[in-house]
Amino acid sequence: MNSKHYTKDRQRREAVITQIGTGNIIKEVVVDRGHRNGPEVHKITDTALILVYNQRTGILVTKLIARPAQILRYYREDEPKPTKVVELARVHTKLKYNEM
């Protein structure tokens, strides 16, 4: 199930994401930004996407084509970084995929 926010205006991004492929989840992080709907679960995939779900409902909020810095933010300094995924995010950025 998707949120209303997701289904309104994501057609172009979704078309690119379909080409990229969702991939496999490599890391999940709970993010609490104080949103009225509660915390989110951000799932990073090996195709350099970030899938954002509402933690309480499990509803998909959005899919992001990640920039390298977005991926790296989810990793502690002492934690190994997914270098291949970060490099793929660089390629996506050069292709301007994350501007959709």
C-alpha atoms as a PDB file:
ATOM      1  CA  MET A   1       0.000   0.000   0.000  1.00  0.00           C
ATOM      2  CA  ASN A   2       1.255   3.494  -0.837  1.00  0.00           C
ATOM      3  CA  SER A   3       0.585   6.849   0.799  1.00  0.00           C
ATOM      4  CA  LYS A   4      -1.359   9.577  -1.055  1.00  0.00           C
ATOM      5  CA  HIS A   5       1.880  11.560  -1.218  1.00  0.00           C
ATOM      6  CA  TYR A   6       3.569   8.754  -3.118  1.00  0.00           C
ATOM      7  CA  THR A   7       0.871   8.092  -5.689  1.00  0.00           C
ATOM      8  CA  LYS A   8       0.259  11.700  -6.798  1.00  0.00           C
ATOM      9  CA  ASP A   9       3.299  12.794  -8.785  1.00  0.00           C
ATOM     10  CA  ARG A  10       5.970  10.140  -8.944  1.00  0.00           C
ATOM     11  CA  GLN A  11       5.375   8.730 -12.420  1.00  0.00           C
ATOM     12  CA  ARG A  12       8.651   9.872 -14.044  1.00  0.00           C
ATOM     13  CA  ARG A  13      10.760   8.811 -11.079  1.00  0.00           C
ATOM     14  CA  GLU A  14       8.941   5.482 -10.918  1.00  0.00           C
ATOM     15  CA  ALA A  15       9.694   4.856 -14.611  1.00  0.00           C
ATOM     16  CA  VAL A  16      13.418   5.385 -13.971  1.00  0.00           C
ATOM     17  CA  ILE A  17      13.270   3.228 -10.841  1.00  0.00           C
ATOM     18  CA  THR A  18      11.643   0.468 -12.891  1.00  0.00           C
ATOM     19  CA  GLN A  19      14.599   0.634 -15.317  1.00  0.00           C
ATOM     20  CA  ILE A  20      17.124   0.608 -12.454  1.00  0.00           C
ATOM     21  CA  GLY A  21      15.348  -2.154 -10.546  1.00  0.00           C
ATOM     22  CA  THR A  22      14.495  -2.112  -6.851  1.00  0.00           C
ATOM     23  CA  GLY A  23      17.287  -4.520  -5.960  1.00  0.00           C
ATOM     24  CA  ASN A  24      17.920  -6.071  -2.568  1.00  0.00           C
ATOM     25  CA  ILE A  25      17.819  -4.275   0.765  1.00  0.00           C
ATOM     26  CA  ILE A  26      21.295  -3.888   2.267  1.00  0.00           C
ATOM     27  CA  LYS A  27      20.449  -1.739   5.309  1.00  0.00           C
ATOM     28  CA  GLU A  28      17.414  -0.489   7.229  1.00  0.00           C
ATOM     29  CA  VAL A  29      17.425   2.557   9.487  1.00  0.00           C
ATOM     30  CA  VAL A  30      14.658   4.085  11.612  1.00  0.00           C
ATOM     31  CA  VAL A  31      14.546   7.860  11.094  1.00  0.00           C
ATOM     32  CA  ASP A  32      12.533  10.068  13.433  1.00  0.00           C
ATOM     33  CA  ARG A  33      12.233  13.620  12.165  1.00  0.00           C
ATOM     34  CA  GLY A  34       9.325  14.447  14.439  1.00  0.00           C
ATOM     35  CA  HIS A  35       6.794  14.073  11.619  1.00  0.00           C
ATOM     36  CA  ARG A  36       3.163  14.016  12.748  1.00  0.00           C
ATOM     37  CA  ASN A  37       2.730  10.557  11.210  1.00  0.00           C
ATOM     38  CA  GLY A  38       5.637   9.177  13.227  1.00  0.00           C
ATOM     39  CA  PRO A  39       9.068   7.724  12.440  1.00  0.00           C
ATOM     40  CA  GLU A  40      10.039   6.293   9.081  1.00  0.00           C
ATOM     41  CA  VAL A  41      12.027   3.237   8.081  1.00  0.00           C
ATOM     42  CA  HIS A  42      14.570   3.981   5.344  1.00  0.00           C
ATOM     43  CA  LYS A  43      15.669   0.903   3.399  1.00  0.00           C
ATOM     44  CA  ILE A  44      18.780   1.230   1.254  1.00  0.00           C
ATOM     45  CA  THR A  45      19.040  -1.123  -1.721  1.00  0.00           C
ATOM     46  CA  ASP A  46      21.987  -2.432  -3.691  1.00  0.00           C
ATOM     47  CA  THR A  47      20.699  -0.493  -6.714  1.00  0.00           C
ATOM     48  CA  ALA A  48      21.229   2.813  -4.840  1.00  0.00           C
ATOM     49  CA  LEU A  49      17.602   3.452  -3.971  1.00  0.00           C
ATOM     50  CA  ILE A  50      16.146   4.500  -0.644  1.00  0.00           C
ATOM     51  CA  LEU A  51      12.675   3.150   0.074  1.00  0.00           C
ATOM     52  CA  VAL A  52      10.885   5.149   2.770  1.00  0.00           C
ATOM     53  CA  TYR A  53       8.091   3.548   4.822  1.00  0.00           C
ATOM     54  CA  ASN A  54       6.013   4.796   7.721  1.00  0.00           C
ATOM     55  CA  GLN A  55       7.214   2.747  10.704  1.00  0.00           C
ATOM     56  CA  ARG A  56       3.811   2.477  12.371  1.00  0.00           C
ATOM     57  CA  THR A  57       1.690   1.596   9.309  1.00  0.00           C
ATOM     58  CA  GLY A  58       4.257   0.031   6.991  1.00  0.00           C
ATOM     59  CA  ILE A  59       2.907   2.164   4.146  1.00  0.00           C
ATOM     60  CA  LEU A  60       5.374   3.156   1.417  1.00  0.00           C
ATOM     61  CA  VAL A  61       5.886   6.929   1.559  1.00  0.00           C
ATOM     62  CA  THR A  62       8.343   7.396  -1.320  1.00  0.00           C
ATOM     63  CA  LYS A  63      11.211   5.904  -3.286  1.00  0.00           C
ATOM     64  CA  LEU A  64      14.339   7.963  -3.753  1.00  0.00           C
ATOM     65  CA  ILE A  65      17.144   7.590  -6.256  1.00  0.00           C
ATOM     66  CA  ALA A  66      19.920   8.257  -3.767  1.00  0.00           C
ATOM     67  CA  ARG A  67      22.867  10.592  -4.060  1.00  0.00           C
ATOM     68  CA  PRO A  68      26.157   9.257  -2.642  1.00  0.00           C
ATOM     69  CA  ALA A  69      26.026  11.475   0.459  1.00  0.00           C
ATOM     70  CA  GLN A  70      22.505  10.281   1.262  1.00  0.00           C
ATOM     71  CA  ILE A  71      23.686   6.683   1.378  1.00  0.00           C
ATOM     72  CA  LEU A  72      26.787   7.482   3.419  1.00  0.00           C
ATOM     73  CA  ARG A  73      24.716   9.316   6.063  1.00  0.00           C
ATOM     74  CA  TYR A  74      23.209   6.010   7.147  1.00  0.00           C
ATOM     75  CA  TYR A  75      26.597   4.531   8.073  1.00  0.00           C
ATOM     76  CA  ARG A  76      28.605   5.201  11.218  1.00  0.00           C
ATOM     77  CA  GLU A  77      32.185   6.323  10.788  1.00  0.00           C
ATOM     78  CA  ASP A  78      33.550   2.934  11.920  1.00  0.00           C
ATOM     79  CA  GLU A  79      31.093   0.926   9.806  1.00  0.00           C
ATOM     80  CA  PRO A  80      32.091  -0.472   6.372  1.00  0.00           C
ATOM     81  CA  LYS A  81      30.556   1.544   3.535  1.00  0.00           C
ATOM     82  CA  PRO A  82      28.888  -0.055   0.496  1.00  0.00           C
ATOM     83  CA  THR A  83      31.410   1.328  -2.015  1.00  0.00           C
ATOM     84  CA  LYS A  84      29.789  -0.284  -5.077  1.00  0.00           C
ATOM     85  CA  VAL A  85      26.402   1.157  -4.131  1.00  0.00           C
ATOM     86  CA  VAL A  86      27.890   4.606  -3.513  1.00  0.00           C
ATOM     87  CA  GLU A  87      29.596   4.450  -6.916  1.00  0.00           C
ATOM     88  CA  LEU A  88      26.302   3.463  -8.532  1.00  0.00           C
ATOM     89  CA  ALA A  89      24.677   6.466  -6.830  1.00  0.00           C
ATOM     90  CA  ARG A  90      27.393   8.645  -8.422  1.00  0.00           C
ATOM     91  CA  VAL A  91      26.472   7.243 -11.834  1.00  0.00           C
ATOM     92  CA  HIS A  92      22.774   7.924 -11.186  1.00  0.00           C
ATOM     93  CA  THR A  93      23.650  11.485 -10.153  1.00  0.00           C
ATOM     94  CA  LYS A  94      25.664  12.075 -13.337  1.00  0.00           C
ATOM     95  CA  LEU A  95      22.677  10.827 -15.333  1.00  0.00           C
ATOM     96  CA  LYS A  96      20.480  13.228 -13.298  1.00  0.00           C
ATOM     97  CA  TYR A  97      18.167  10.395 -12.251  1.00  0.00           C
ATOM     98  CA  ASN A  98      17.758  11.842  -8.761  1.00  0.00           C
ATOM     99  CA  GLU A  99      16.452  15.142 -10.120  1.00  0.00           C
ATOM    100  CA  MET A 100      13.096  13.579 -11.040  1.00  0.00           C
END
